[in-house]
Amino acid sequence: MRRMAAVSLGVILSLAGTLRASLQEAEAEPNLEKRSKLALDNAEQALTEARTAYAKGDNAQVEARAAEIRESVELAETSLHQTGKNARKSPRWFKHAEIVTRDLLRRLDSFQQEMNAADRPMLDGVKGEVQQAHENLLLGVMGGKEK
């Protein structure tokens, strides 16, 4: 019985560090487009973890995951811009990032509406950051011709 409890504790502790490890893994990726995808995958996972933490009443964990979402989206956007590619001529990764950030915004809004009114402001900052990144990506893909 004790062995089972020790194994369970080990699994829980390893899962707790997974999110931070995922962002570090994304930062270590040399391919900038893949780095962007990994960072956005991490943002989605962080949002899922934030929902779980909120259900347990752990607001400190929700704030930590919100910061993780912000960092991940920022890394994704920065990585795509560092490629030096024109989003209109090579839209694959830019469009993927635009779609994921749009979905992330919807999920953040839904999560915020499910929260207690007093807790909702903790997501305002991250929603603004994700919205700005989404708009930048959308303008890059859909923007007019460069003159």
N, C-alpha and C. Protein backbone atom coordinates (compact mmCIF):
# COMPACT_ATOMS: atom_id res chain seq x y z
N MET A 1 0.81 -1.18 0.00
CA MET A 1 0.00 0.00 0.00
C MET A 1 0.87 1.26 0.00
N ARG A 2 1.91 1.25 0.82
CA ARG A 2 2.80 2.41 0.88
C ARG A 2 3.54 2.58 -0.44
N ARG A 3 3.90 1.46 -1.04
CA ARG A 3 4.60 1.54 -2.33
C ARG A 3 3.71 2.18 -3.38
N MET A 4 2.43 1.81 -3.37
CA MET A 4 1.49 2.38 -4.32
C MET A 4 1.33 3.88 -4.08
N ALA A 5 1.27 4.29 -2.83
CA ALA A 5 1.15 5.71 -2.51
C ALA A 5 2.40 6.46 -2.94
N ALA A 6 3.56 5.87 -2.77
CA ALA A 6 4.82 6.51 -3.16
C ALA A 6 4.89 6.66 -4.68
N VAL A 7 4.45 5.64 -5.40
CA VAL A 7 4.45 5.70 -6.86
C VAL A 7 3.46 6.76 -7.33
N SER A 8 2.29 6.81 -6.71
CA SER A 8 1.28 7.81 -7.06
C SER A 8 1.80 9.22 -6.82
N LEU A 9 2.47 9.41 -5.70
CA LEU A 9 3.04 10.72 -5.39
C LEU A 9 4.10 11.11 -6.41
N GLY A 10 4.92 10.15 -6.81
CA GLY A 10 5.94 10.41 -7.81
C GLY A 10 5.34 10.81 -9.15
N VAL A 11 4.27 10.17 -9.54
CA VAL A 11 3.60 10.49 -10.80
C VAL A 11 3.00 11.89 -10.73
N ILE A 12 2.38 12.22 -9.62
CA ILE A 12 1.76 13.53 -9.46
C ILE A 12 2.83 14.63 -9.50
N LEU A 13 3.93 14.42 -8.83
CA LEU A 13 5.00 15.42 -8.83
C LEU A 13 5.62 15.59 -10.21
N SER A 14 5.75 14.50 -10.94
CA SER A 14 6.32 14.62 -12.29
C SER A 14 5.36 15.33 -13.23
N LEU A 15 4.07 15.13 -13.05
CA LEU A 15 3.09 15.83 -13.88
C LEU A 15 3.04 17.31 -13.55
N ALA A 16 3.29 17.66 -12.32
CA ALA A 16 3.27 19.07 -11.92
C ALA A 16 4.36 19.86 -12.63
N GLY A 17 5.50 19.24 -12.86
CA GLY A 17 6.60 19.92 -13.54
C GLY A 17 6.52 19.85 -15.05
N THR A 18 5.54 19.15 -15.58
CA THR A 18 5.44 18.93 -17.02
C THR A 18 5.22 20.23 -17.77
N LEU A 19 4.36 21.11 -17.26
CA LEU A 19 4.06 22.34 -17.98
C LEU A 19 5.30 23.20 -18.15
N ARG A 20 6.02 23.39 -17.09
CA ARG A 20 7.22 24.22 -17.20
C ARG A 20 8.24 23.56 -18.11
N ALA A 21 8.34 22.23 -18.01
CA ALA A 21 9.27 21.51 -18.88
C ALA A 21 8.85 21.65 -20.33
N SER A 22 7.55 21.69 -20.61
CA SER A 22 7.07 21.82 -21.97
C SER A 22 7.47 23.17 -22.57
N LEU A 23 7.39 24.22 -21.78
CA LEU A 23 7.78 25.53 -22.27
C LEU A 23 9.28 25.58 -22.50
N GLN A 24 10.05 24.97 -21.62
CA GLN A 24 11.50 24.91 -21.81
C GLN A 24 11.84 24.07 -23.04
N GLU A 25 11.09 23.03 -23.25
CA GLU A 25 11.29 22.18 -24.44
C GLU A 25 11.01 22.99 -25.70
N ALA A 26 9.96 23.80 -25.66
CA ALA A 26 9.63 24.64 -26.82
C ALA A 26 10.74 25.67 -27.06
N GLU A 27 11.24 26.27 -26.00
CA GLU A 27 12.31 27.26 -26.15
C GLU A 27 13.58 26.65 -26.71
N ALA A 28 13.79 25.37 -26.44
CA ALA A 28 15.00 24.69 -26.90
C ALA A 28 14.90 24.23 -28.36
N GLU A 29 13.70 24.24 -28.92
CA GLU A 29 13.50 23.78 -30.30
C GLU A 29 14.19 24.75 -31.27
N PRO A 30 15.11 24.23 -32.11
CA PRO A 30 15.82 25.12 -33.03
C PRO A 30 14.98 25.59 -34.22
N ASN A 31 14.01 24.78 -34.64
CA ASN A 31 13.14 25.15 -35.76
C ASN A 31 12.09 26.13 -35.23
N LEU A 32 12.12 27.36 -35.72
CA LEU A 32 11.25 28.40 -35.18
C LEU A 32 9.76 28.12 -35.38
N GLU A 33 9.40 27.52 -36.52
CA GLU A 33 7.99 27.21 -36.76
C GLU A 33 7.51 26.13 -35.79
N LYS A 34 8.33 25.11 -35.59
CA LYS A 34 7.96 24.05 -34.65
C LYS A 34 7.95 24.58 -33.22
N ARG A 35 8.85 25.51 -32.93
CA ARG A 35 8.87 26.13 -31.61
C ARG A 35 7.54 26.84 -31.35
N SER A 36 7.04 27.51 -32.37
CA SER A 36 5.76 28.18 -32.24
C SER A 36 4.64 27.19 -31.94
N LYS A 37 4.62 26.09 -32.66
CA LYS A 37 3.59 25.07 -32.44
C LYS A 37 3.68 24.48 -31.04
N LEU A 38 4.89 24.16 -30.60
CA LEU A 38 5.07 23.60 -29.26
C LEU A 38 4.62 24.60 -28.17
N ALA A 39 4.92 25.87 -28.39
CA ALA A 39 4.53 26.88 -27.41
C ALA A 39 3.01 27.01 -27.34
N LEU A 40 2.35 26.95 -28.49
CA LEU A 40 0.89 27.05 -28.49
C LEU A 40 0.25 25.79 -27.89
N ASP A 41 0.84 24.64 -28.14
CA ASP A 41 0.36 23.41 -27.50
C ASP A 41 0.48 23.53 -25.98
N ASN A 42 1.59 24.12 -25.53
CA ASN A 42 1.79 24.33 -24.10
C ASN A 42 0.74 25.29 -23.54
N ALA A 43 0.39 26.33 -24.30
CA ALA A 43 -0.62 27.28 -23.84
C ALA A 43 -1.97 26.59 -23.66
N GLU A 44 -2.32 25.73 -24.60
CA GLU A 44 -3.58 25.00 -24.48
C GLU A 44 -3.57 24.08 -23.26
N GLN A 45 -2.46 23.42 -23.03
CA GLN A 45 -2.35 22.54 -21.87
C GLN A 45 -2.41 23.35 -20.57
N ALA A 46 -1.79 24.51 -20.56
CA ALA A 46 -1.81 25.36 -19.37
C ALA A 46 -3.23 25.83 -19.06
N LEU A 47 -4.02 26.09 -20.10
CA LEU A 47 -5.41 26.50 -19.87
C LEU A 47 -6.21 25.35 -19.26
N THR A 48 -5.98 24.15 -19.75
CA THR A 48 -6.65 22.97 -19.17
C THR A 48 -6.26 22.82 -17.70
N GLU A 49 -4.98 23.00 -17.40
CA GLU A 49 -4.51 22.91 -16.02
C GLU A 49 -5.11 24.02 -15.15
N ALA A 50 -5.29 25.21 -15.73
CA ALA A 50 -5.87 26.32 -14.97
C ALA A 50 -7.32 26.02 -14.61
N ARG A 51 -8.05 25.44 -15.53
CA ARG A 51 -9.44 25.06 -15.25
C ARG A 51 -9.50 24.04 -14.11
N THR A 52 -8.61 23.06 -14.18
CA THR A 52 -8.57 22.02 -13.13
C THR A 52 -8.22 22.65 -11.79
N ALA A 53 -7.26 23.55 -11.77
CA ALA A 53 -6.86 24.20 -10.53
C ALA A 53 -7.99 25.06 -9.98
N TYR A 54 -8.72 25.74 -10.84
CA TYR A 54 -9.83 26.57 -10.38
C TYR A 54 -10.93 25.71 -9.78
N ALA A 55 -11.17 24.56 -10.39
CA ALA A 55 -12.18 23.65 -9.85
C ALA A 55 -11.81 23.18 -8.45
N LYS A 56 -10.51 23.10 -8.18
CA LYS A 56 -10.03 22.69 -6.86
C LYS A 56 -9.93 23.87 -5.90
N GLY A 57 -10.15 25.10 -6.40
CA GLY A 57 -10.09 26.28 -5.55
C GLY A 57 -8.70 26.85 -5.37
N ASP A 58 -7.76 26.48 -6.24
CA ASP A 58 -6.38 26.93 -6.12
C ASP A 58 -6.13 28.12 -7.05
N ASN A 59 -6.48 29.32 -6.59
CA ASN A 59 -6.35 30.52 -7.41
C ASN A 59 -4.90 30.89 -7.71
N ALA A 60 -3.99 30.56 -6.81
CA ALA A 60 -2.57 30.84 -7.06
C ALA A 60 -2.09 30.03 -8.27
N GLN A 61 -2.54 28.81 -8.37
CA GLN A 61 -2.17 27.95 -9.50
C GLN A 61 -2.80 28.48 -10.79
N VAL A 62 -4.02 29.01 -10.70
CA VAL A 62 -4.69 29.59 -11.87
C VAL A 62 -3.87 30.77 -12.38
N GLU A 63 -3.41 31.61 -11.47
CA GLU A 63 -2.60 32.77 -11.88
C GLU A 63 -1.28 32.33 -12.50
N ALA A 64 -0.68 31.28 -11.95
CA ALA A 64 0.57 30.77 -12.51
C ALA A 64 0.34 30.22 -13.92
N ARG A 65 -0.74 29.51 -14.11
CA ARG A 65 -1.05 28.96 -15.44
C ARG A 65 -1.40 30.07 -16.42
N ALA A 66 -2.05 31.13 -15.95
CA ALA A 66 -2.35 32.27 -16.82
C ALA A 66 -1.05 32.92 -17.30
N ALA A 67 -0.08 33.03 -16.41
CA ALA A 67 1.23 33.56 -16.79
C ALA A 67 1.90 32.63 -17.80
N GLU A 68 1.73 31.33 -17.62
CA GLU A 68 2.29 30.33 -18.54
C GLU A 68 1.66 30.48 -19.93
N ILE A 69 0.36 30.74 -19.97
CA ILE A 69 -0.32 30.95 -21.25
C ILE A 69 0.24 32.18 -21.93
N ARG A 70 0.39 33.25 -21.18
CA ARG A 70 0.92 34.51 -21.73
C ARG A 70 2.33 34.29 -22.30
N GLU A 71 3.19 33.64 -21.53
CA GLU A 71 4.56 33.39 -21.99
C GLU A 71 4.58 32.51 -23.24
N SER A 72 3.72 31.52 -23.29
CA SER A 72 3.69 30.59 -24.41
C SER A 72 3.24 31.29 -25.69
N VAL A 73 2.19 32.10 -25.58
CA VAL A 73 1.69 32.81 -26.76
C VAL A 73 2.72 33.83 -27.24
N GLU A 74 3.36 34.49 -26.30
CA GLU A 74 4.40 35.46 -26.66
C GLU A 74 5.57 34.76 -27.37
N LEU A 75 5.97 33.61 -26.87
CA LEU A 75 7.05 32.84 -27.50
C LEU A 75 6.66 32.41 -28.91
N ALA A 76 5.42 31.97 -29.08
CA ALA A 76 4.96 31.53 -30.39
C ALA A 76 4.99 32.69 -31.39
N GLU A 77 4.46 33.82 -30.99
CA GLU A 77 4.42 34.97 -31.89
C GLU A 77 5.83 35.46 -32.22
N THR A 78 6.68 35.55 -31.22
CA THR A 78 8.06 35.99 -31.43
C THR A 78 8.81 35.04 -32.35
N SER A 79 8.62 33.75 -32.15
CA SER A 79 9.30 32.75 -32.96
C SER A 79 8.90 32.87 -34.43
N LEU A 80 7.62 33.07 -34.68
CA LEU A 80 7.17 33.21 -36.06
C LEU A 80 7.74 34.46 -36.72
N HIS A 81 7.82 35.54 -35.98
CA HIS A 81 8.38 36.76 -36.55
C HIS A 81 9.89 36.64 -36.77
N GLN A 82 10.55 35.84 -35.94
CA GLN A 82 11.99 35.65 -36.10
C GLN A 82 12.32 34.82 -37.35
N THR A 83 11.36 34.12 -37.90
CA THR A 83 11.63 33.35 -39.11
C THR A 83 11.98 34.27 -40.27
N GLY A 84 11.48 35.49 -40.23
CA GLY A 84 11.72 36.43 -41.32
C GLY A 84 10.86 36.16 -42.54
N LYS A 85 9.93 35.23 -42.43
CA LYS A 85 9.07 34.89 -43.56
C LYS A 85 7.88 35.83 -43.62
N ASN A 86 7.40 36.04 -44.83
CA ASN A 86 6.21 36.83 -45.06
C ASN A 86 5.00 35.93 -44.82
N ALA A 87 4.12 36.33 -43.93
CA ALA A 87 2.96 35.50 -43.58
C ALA A 87 2.02 35.29 -44.76
N ARG A 88 1.98 36.22 -45.70
CA ARG A 88 1.11 36.05 -46.87
C ARG A 88 1.69 35.06 -47.87
N LYS A 89 3.00 35.00 -47.98
CA LYS A 89 3.62 34.12 -48.94
C LYS A 89 3.84 32.72 -48.38
N SER A 90 4.04 32.59 -47.10
CA SER A 90 4.24 31.30 -46.43
C SER A 90 3.30 31.23 -45.22
N PRO A 91 2.01 31.03 -45.46
CA PRO A 91 1.04 31.18 -44.37
C PRO A 91 0.87 29.97 -43.45
N ARG A 92 1.48 28.83 -43.76
CA ARG A 92 1.18 27.60 -43.03
C ARG A 92 1.24 27.77 -41.51
N TRP A 93 2.37 28.13 -40.99
CA TRP A 93 2.54 28.20 -39.54
C TRP A 93 1.84 29.42 -38.95
N PHE A 94 1.79 30.50 -39.72
CA PHE A 94 1.11 31.70 -39.25
C PHE A 94 -0.39 31.46 -39.12
N LYS A 95 -0.97 30.80 -40.11
CA LYS A 95 -2.40 30.50 -40.07
C LYS A 95 -2.70 29.52 -38.94
N HIS A 96 -1.83 28.54 -38.75
CA HIS A 96 -2.02 27.60 -37.65
C HIS A 96 -2.03 28.35 -36.32
N ALA A 97 -1.09 29.25 -36.14
CA ALA A 97 -1.01 30.03 -34.90
C ALA A 97 -2.24 30.92 -34.74
N GLU A 98 -2.72 31.48 -35.83
CA GLU A 98 -3.91 32.33 -35.78
C GLU A 98 -5.13 31.51 -35.34
N ILE A 99 -5.27 30.32 -35.88
CA ILE A 99 -6.40 29.46 -35.52
C ILE A 99 -6.32 29.04 -34.06
N VAL A 100 -5.14 28.66 -33.62
CA VAL A 100 -4.98 28.21 -32.23
C VAL A 100 -5.23 29.36 -31.25
N THR A 101 -4.73 30.55 -31.56
CA THR A 101 -4.96 31.68 -30.66
C THR A 101 -6.44 32.07 -30.64
N ARG A 102 -7.12 31.95 -31.77
CA ARG A 102 -8.57 32.22 -31.80
C ARG A 102 -9.30 31.23 -30.89
N ASP A 103 -8.94 29.95 -30.99
CA ASP A 103 -9.56 28.93 -30.14
C ASP A 103 -9.21 29.17 -28.67
N LEU A 104 -7.99 29.56 -28.42
CA LEU A 104 -7.55 29.84 -27.05
C LEU A 104 -8.36 31.00 -26.46
N LEU A 105 -8.62 32.02 -27.28
CA LEU A 105 -9.43 33.15 -26.82
C LEU A 105 -10.84 32.71 -26.45
N ARG A 106 -11.43 31.86 -27.27
CA ARG A 106 -12.77 31.35 -26.98
C ARG A 106 -12.78 30.57 -25.67
N ARG A 107 -11.78 29.71 -25.51
CA ARG A 107 -11.71 28.90 -24.29
C ARG A 107 -11.45 29.76 -23.06
N LEU A 108 -10.60 30.79 -23.20
CA LEU A 108 -10.35 31.70 -22.09
C LEU A 108 -11.63 32.46 -21.70
N ASP A 109 -12.36 32.92 -22.71
CA ASP A 109 -13.60 33.64 -22.45
C ASP A 109 -14.62 32.74 -21.75
N SER A 110 -14.74 31.52 -22.23
CA SER A 110 -15.66 30.57 -21.61
C SER A 110 -15.26 30.29 -20.16
N PHE A 111 -13.98 30.09 -19.93
CA PHE A 111 -13.47 29.84 -18.59
C PHE A 111 -13.75 31.04 -17.69
N GLN A 112 -13.52 32.24 -18.21
CA GLN A 112 -13.74 33.44 -17.42
C GLN A 112 -15.22 33.59 -17.05
N GLN A 113 -16.12 33.25 -17.97
CA GLN A 113 -17.55 33.35 -17.69
C GLN A 113 -18.00 32.33 -16.64
N GLU A 114 -17.31 31.19 -16.58
CA GLU A 114 -17.64 30.17 -15.59
C GLU A 114 -17.11 30.52 -14.19
N MET A 115 -16.16 31.43 -14.14
CA MET A 115 -15.55 31.80 -12.86
C MET A 115 -16.48 32.70 -12.04
N ASN A 116 -16.21 32.75 -10.77
CA ASN A 116 -16.90 33.67 -9.88
C ASN A 116 -16.56 35.10 -10.32
N ALA A 117 -17.50 36.01 -10.21
CA ALA A 117 -17.30 37.39 -10.67
C ALA A 117 -16.07 38.04 -10.03
N ALA A 118 -15.78 37.71 -8.80
CA ALA A 118 -14.64 38.30 -8.11
C ALA A 118 -13.31 37.78 -8.66
N ASP A 119 -13.31 36.58 -9.25
CA ASP A 119 -12.08 35.98 -9.76
C ASP A 119 -11.81 36.30 -11.22
N ARG A 120 -12.78 36.81 -11.92
CA ARG A 120 -12.65 37.03 -13.37
C ARG A 120 -11.51 37.96 -13.78
N PRO A 121 -11.23 39.02 -13.02
CA PRO A 121 -10.15 39.93 -13.45
C PRO A 121 -8.78 39.28 -13.58
N MET A 122 -8.56 38.13 -12.94
CA MET A 122 -7.24 37.51 -13.04
C MET A 122 -6.92 37.04 -14.45
N LEU A 123 -7.93 36.90 -15.32
CA LEU A 123 -7.69 36.47 -16.70
C LEU A 123 -7.73 37.62 -17.70
N ASP A 124 -8.06 38.83 -17.25
CA ASP A 124 -8.16 39.96 -18.17
C ASP A 124 -6.84 40.24 -18.90
N GLY A 125 -5.76 40.23 -18.17
CA GLY A 125 -4.45 40.54 -18.78
C GLY A 125 -4.05 39.53 -19.83
N VAL A 126 -4.20 38.25 -19.51
CA VAL A 126 -3.80 37.22 -20.46
C VAL A 126 -4.72 37.23 -21.68
N LYS A 127 -6.00 37.52 -21.48
CA LYS A 127 -6.91 37.60 -22.63
C LYS A 127 -6.50 38.73 -23.57
N GLY A 128 -6.11 39.86 -22.99
CA GLY A 128 -5.66 40.99 -23.81
C GLY A 128 -4.41 40.65 -24.62
N GLU A 129 -3.48 39.95 -23.98
CA GLU A 129 -2.24 39.56 -24.67
C GLU A 129 -2.53 38.59 -25.81
N VAL A 130 -3.37 37.61 -25.55
CA VAL A 130 -3.71 36.61 -26.57
C VAL A 130 -4.49 37.28 -27.70
N GLN A 131 -5.38 38.21 -27.36
CA GLN A 131 -6.14 38.94 -28.38
C GLN A 131 -5.21 39.74 -29.28
N GLN A 132 -4.23 40.41 -28.68
CA GLN A 132 -3.28 41.20 -29.47
C GLN A 132 -2.45 40.30 -30.39
N ALA A 133 -1.99 39.18 -29.87
CA ALA A 133 -1.22 38.24 -30.69
C ALA A 133 -2.07 37.71 -31.84
N HIS A 134 -3.33 37.40 -31.55
CA HIS A 134 -4.23 36.89 -32.59
C HIS A 134 -4.43 37.94 -33.68
N GLU A 135 -4.65 39.18 -33.29
CA GLU A 135 -4.85 40.25 -34.28
C GLU A 135 -3.60 40.45 -35.13
N ASN A 136 -2.43 40.41 -34.51
CA ASN A 136 -1.18 40.56 -35.26
C ASN A 136 -1.01 39.44 -36.27
N LEU A 137 -1.31 38.22 -35.86
CA LEU A 137 -1.18 37.08 -36.76
C LEU A 137 -2.20 37.17 -37.89
N LEU A 138 -3.42 37.56 -37.58
CA LEU A 138 -4.46 37.67 -38.58
C LEU A 138 -4.13 38.76 -39.60
N LEU A 139 -3.63 39.89 -39.13
CA LEU A 139 -3.22 40.95 -40.04
C LEU A 139 -2.06 40.51 -40.92
N GLY A 140 -1.16 39.72 -40.37
CA GLY A 140 -0.06 39.23 -41.17
C GLY A 140 -0.51 38.31 -42.29
N VAL A 141 -1.46 37.45 -42.00
CA VAL A 141 -1.95 36.51 -43.01
C VAL A 141 -2.90 37.19 -43.99
N MET A 142 -3.78 38.04 -43.49
CA MET A 142 -4.83 38.63 -44.33
C MET A 142 -4.51 40.04 -44.79
N GLY A 143 -3.42 40.61 -44.33
CA GLY A 143 -3.10 41.98 -44.66
C GLY A 143 -2.90 42.21 -46.16
N GLY A 144 -2.95 43.45 -46.54
CA GLY A 144 -2.82 43.83 -47.95
C GLY A 144 -1.40 43.65 -48.46
N LYS A 145 -1.23 43.90 -49.73
CA LYS A 145 0.09 43.78 -50.35
C LYS A 145 1.03 44.85 -49.81
N GLU A 146 2.30 44.45 -49.70
CA GLU A 146 3.30 45.42 -49.29
C GLU A 146 3.66 46.28 -50.48
N LYS A 147 3.84 47.57 -50.22
CA LYS A 147 4.13 48.50 -51.32
C LYS A 147 5.59 48.86 -51.36
